[in-house]
Amino acid sequence: MNKVTFKGFGEEKTVTAATGDILLRVAYANEVKLPKDCEDGECGSCAVMVEYAAQYTEYLDAQGKELTALVGKAAYTTQQAKDIEQAGVAPKIRLACQCVIRSDIIVHPFMG
């Protein structure tokens, strides 16, 4: 099990989540109200800042919805997103509906 700590969404809350759980589902199952609209990685409304306890590979797919939404929200430029993808590191700005939990994380609102 992984610890997921939500900071800045009201009262700070730490919950547990299985490896492979989707961040948005974990948030709502534990009554943490993250912003959301489409829940499908297209609108970008659920963008959050994520701090990872352990480094792991999490690619942004250059053809995928998450990259398009994050670039559309000006969270990343297209070049920054490509650089993150090539580096093979988990990006700090994620869409909660697309973020797969693989380690302990701390989640903050994205103020972009």
C-alpha atoms as a PDB file:
ATOM      1  CA  MET A   1       0.000   0.000   0.000  1.00  0.00           C
ATOM      2  CA  ASN A   2       1.061   3.551  -0.723  1.00  0.00           C
ATOM      3  CA  LYS A   3       0.438   6.695   1.297  1.00  0.00           C
ATOM      4  CA  VAL A   4      -1.240   9.539  -0.555  1.00  0.00           C
ATOM      5  CA  THR A   5      -1.239  12.895   1.237  1.00  0.00           C
ATOM      6  CA  PHE A   6      -3.522  15.672   0.013  1.00  0.00           C
ATOM      7  CA  LYS A   7      -2.433  19.210   0.975  1.00  0.00           C
ATOM      8  CA  GLY A   8      -4.300  22.358   0.055  1.00  0.00           C
ATOM      9  CA  PHE A   9      -7.709  20.806  -0.615  1.00  0.00           C
ATOM     10  CA  GLY A  10      -9.165  21.798   2.743  1.00  0.00           C
ATOM     11  CA  GLU A  11      -7.957  19.770   5.707  1.00  0.00           C
ATOM     12  CA  GLU A  12      -4.720  17.866   5.081  1.00  0.00           C
ATOM     13  CA  LYS A  13      -5.503  14.192   4.652  1.00  0.00           C
ATOM     14  CA  THR A  14      -3.322  11.074   4.282  1.00  0.00           C
ATOM     15  CA  VAL A  15      -4.912   7.903   2.917  1.00  0.00           C
ATOM     16  CA  THR A  16      -3.675   4.571   1.607  1.00  0.00           C
ATOM     17  CA  ALA A  17      -3.913   3.418  -1.987  1.00  0.00           C
ATOM     18  CA  ALA A  18      -2.914   0.260  -3.793  1.00  0.00           C
ATOM     19  CA  THR A  19      -0.238   0.395  -6.452  1.00  0.00           C
ATOM     20  CA  GLY A  20      -2.067   0.910  -9.733  1.00  0.00           C
ATOM     21  CA  ASP A  21      -4.937   2.963  -8.309  1.00  0.00           C
ATOM     22  CA  ILE A  22      -5.876   6.144 -10.162  1.00  0.00           C
ATOM     23  CA  LEU A  23      -5.325   9.310  -8.125  1.00  0.00           C
ATOM     24  CA  LEU A  24      -8.703  10.897  -8.913  1.00  0.00           C
ATOM     25  CA  ARG A  25     -10.582   7.768  -7.801  1.00  0.00           C
ATOM     26  CA  VAL A  26      -8.585   7.611  -4.568  1.00  0.00           C
ATOM     27  CA  ALA A  27      -9.320  11.278  -3.874  1.00  0.00           C
ATOM     28  CA  TYR A  28     -13.070  10.929  -4.318  1.00  0.00           C
ATOM     29  CA  ALA A  29     -13.236   7.622  -2.437  1.00  0.00           C
ATOM     30  CA  ASN A  30     -11.714   9.492   0.513  1.00  0.00           C
ATOM     31  CA  GLU A  31     -13.858  12.628   0.181  1.00  0.00           C
ATOM     32  CA  VAL A  32     -11.075  14.845  -1.170  1.00  0.00           C
ATOM     33  CA  LYS A  33     -12.726  17.094  -3.717  1.00  0.00           C
ATOM     34  CA  LEU A  34     -10.309  17.640  -6.572  1.00  0.00           C
ATOM     35  CA  PRO A  35     -11.602  19.732  -9.463  1.00  0.00           C
ATOM     36  CA  LYS A  36     -12.819  17.576 -12.341  1.00  0.00           C
ATOM     37  CA  ASP A  37     -14.945  17.836 -15.434  1.00  0.00           C
ATOM     38  CA  CYS A  38     -14.484  15.102 -18.037  1.00  0.00           C
ATOM     39  CA  GLU A  39     -12.592  12.518 -15.904  1.00  0.00           C
ATOM     40  CA  ASP A  40     -11.076  11.247 -19.167  1.00  0.00           C
ATOM     41  CA  GLY A  41      -7.824  13.204 -19.530  1.00  0.00           C
ATOM     42  CA  GLU A  42      -9.069  15.670 -22.103  1.00  0.00           C
ATOM     43  CA  CYS A  43     -10.122  18.829 -20.261  1.00  0.00           C
ATOM     44  CA  GLY A  44      -7.215  19.318 -17.844  1.00  0.00           C
ATOM     45  CA  SER A  45      -9.449  20.446 -14.968  1.00  0.00           C
ATOM     46  CA  CYS A  46      -7.985  17.871 -12.559  1.00  0.00           C
ATOM     47  CA  ALA A  47      -4.356  19.048 -12.937  1.00  0.00           C
ATOM     48  CA  VAL A  48      -2.409  18.695  -9.691  1.00  0.00           C
ATOM     49  CA  MET A  49       1.170  19.020  -8.463  1.00  0.00           C
ATOM     50  CA  VAL A  50       2.628  15.697  -7.305  1.00  0.00           C
ATOM     51  CA  GLU A  51       5.679  15.054  -5.125  1.00  0.00           C
ATOM     52  CA  TYR A  52       6.954  11.481  -5.374  1.00  0.00           C
ATOM     53  CA  ALA A  53       8.605   9.630  -2.486  1.00  0.00           C
ATOM     54  CA  ALA A  54      10.446   7.355  -4.911  1.00  0.00           C
ATOM     55  CA  GLN A  55      11.476   7.961  -8.491  1.00  0.00           C
ATOM     56  CA  TYR A  56       9.792   5.846 -11.112  1.00  0.00           C
ATOM     57  CA  THR A  57       9.222   6.042 -14.824  1.00  0.00           C
ATOM     58  CA  GLU A  58       5.959   7.604 -15.888  1.00  0.00           C
ATOM     59  CA  TYR A  59       5.940   8.716 -19.481  1.00  0.00           C
ATOM     60  CA  LEU A  60       3.794  11.424 -20.981  1.00  0.00           C
ATOM     61  CA  ASP A  61       2.637   9.950 -24.272  1.00  0.00           C
ATOM     62  CA  ALA A  62       3.353  12.528 -26.985  1.00  0.00           C
ATOM     63  CA  GLN A  63       0.152  11.413 -28.751  1.00  0.00           C
ATOM     64  CA  GLY A  64      -1.902  11.085 -25.589  1.00  0.00           C
ATOM     65  CA  LYS A  65      -4.688  13.079 -24.023  1.00  0.00           C
ATOM     66  CA  GLU A  66      -2.769  13.963 -20.865  1.00  0.00           C
ATOM     67  CA  LEU A  67       0.009  15.753 -22.736  1.00  0.00           C
ATOM     68  CA  THR A  68      -2.469  17.646 -24.883  1.00  0.00           C
ATOM     69  CA  ALA A  69      -4.486  18.741 -21.846  1.00  0.00           C
ATOM     70  CA  LEU A  70      -1.418  19.808 -19.844  1.00  0.00           C
ATOM     71  CA  VAL A  71       0.027  21.765 -22.746  1.00  0.00           C
ATOM     72  CA  GLY A  72      -3.427  23.304 -23.271  1.00  0.00           C
ATOM     73  CA  LYS A  73      -3.485  24.460 -19.643  1.00  0.00           C
ATOM     74  CA  ALA A  74       0.009  25.938 -20.095  1.00  0.00           C
ATOM     75  CA  ALA A  75       1.356  23.564 -17.448  1.00  0.00           C
ATOM     76  CA  TYR A  76       4.091  22.597 -19.903  1.00  0.00           C
ATOM     77  CA  THR A  77       5.224  23.727 -23.288  1.00  0.00           C
ATOM     78  CA  THR A  78       5.230  21.034 -25.925  1.00  0.00           C
ATOM     79  CA  GLN A  79       9.033  20.975 -25.754  1.00  0.00           C
ATOM     80  CA  GLN A  80       9.053  20.627 -21.952  1.00  0.00           C
ATOM     81  CA  ALA A  81       6.623  17.716 -22.163  1.00  0.00           C
ATOM     82  CA  LYS A  82       8.797  16.016 -24.786  1.00  0.00           C
ATOM     83  CA  ASP A  83      11.881  16.583 -22.615  1.00  0.00           C
ATOM     84  CA  ILE A  84      10.141  15.018 -19.602  1.00  0.00           C
ATOM     85  CA  GLU A  85       9.062  12.057 -21.701  1.00  0.00           C
ATOM     86  CA  GLN A  86      12.581  11.509 -23.062  1.00  0.00           C
ATOM     87  CA  ALA A  87      14.110  11.769 -19.587  1.00  0.00           C
ATOM     88  CA  GLY A  88      11.837   8.954 -18.395  1.00  0.00           C
ATOM     89  CA  VAL A  89      10.910  10.625 -15.120  1.00  0.00           C
ATOM     90  CA  ALA A  90       7.506  11.192 -13.599  1.00  0.00           C
ATOM     91  CA  PRO A  91       6.386  14.769 -14.249  1.00  0.00           C
ATOM     92  CA  LYS A  92       5.422  16.955 -11.305  1.00  0.00           C
ATOM     93  CA  ILE A  93       2.251  18.301 -12.915  1.00  0.00           C
ATOM     94  CA  ARG A  94      -0.238  15.535 -13.643  1.00  0.00           C
ATOM     95  CA  LEU A  95      -3.885  15.002 -14.390  1.00  0.00           C
ATOM     96  CA  ALA A  96      -5.383  13.211 -11.392  1.00  0.00           C
ATOM     97  CA  CYS A  97      -7.588  11.144 -13.723  1.00  0.00           C
ATOM     98  CA  GLN A  98      -4.487   9.805 -15.505  1.00  0.00           C
ATOM     99  CA  CYS A  99      -2.012   9.575 -12.604  1.00  0.00           C
ATOM    100  CA  VAL A 100      -1.350   5.969 -11.615  1.00  0.00           C
ATOM    101  CA  ILE A 101      -0.142   5.619  -8.039  1.00  0.00           C
ATOM    102  CA  ARG A 102       3.129   3.681  -7.813  1.00  0.00           C
ATOM    103  CA  SER A 103       4.699   5.080  -4.627  1.00  0.00           C
ATOM    104  CA  ASP A 104       3.938   7.349  -1.697  1.00  0.00           C
ATOM    105  CA  ILE A 105       2.970  10.781  -3.016  1.00  0.00           C
ATOM    106  CA  ILE A 106       1.985  14.214  -1.812  1.00  0.00           C
ATOM    107  CA  VAL A 107      -0.640  16.013  -3.898  1.00  0.00           C
ATOM    108  CA  HIS A 108      -1.103  19.809  -4.079  1.00  0.00           C
ATOM    109  CA  PRO A 109      -3.474  21.954  -6.125  1.00  0.00           C
ATOM    110  CA  PHE A 110      -2.080  23.132  -9.462  1.00  0.00           C
ATOM    111  CA  MET A 111      -2.234  26.908  -9.572  1.00  0.00           C
ATOM    112  CA  GLY A 112      -1.516  27.376 -13.252  1.00  0.00           C
END
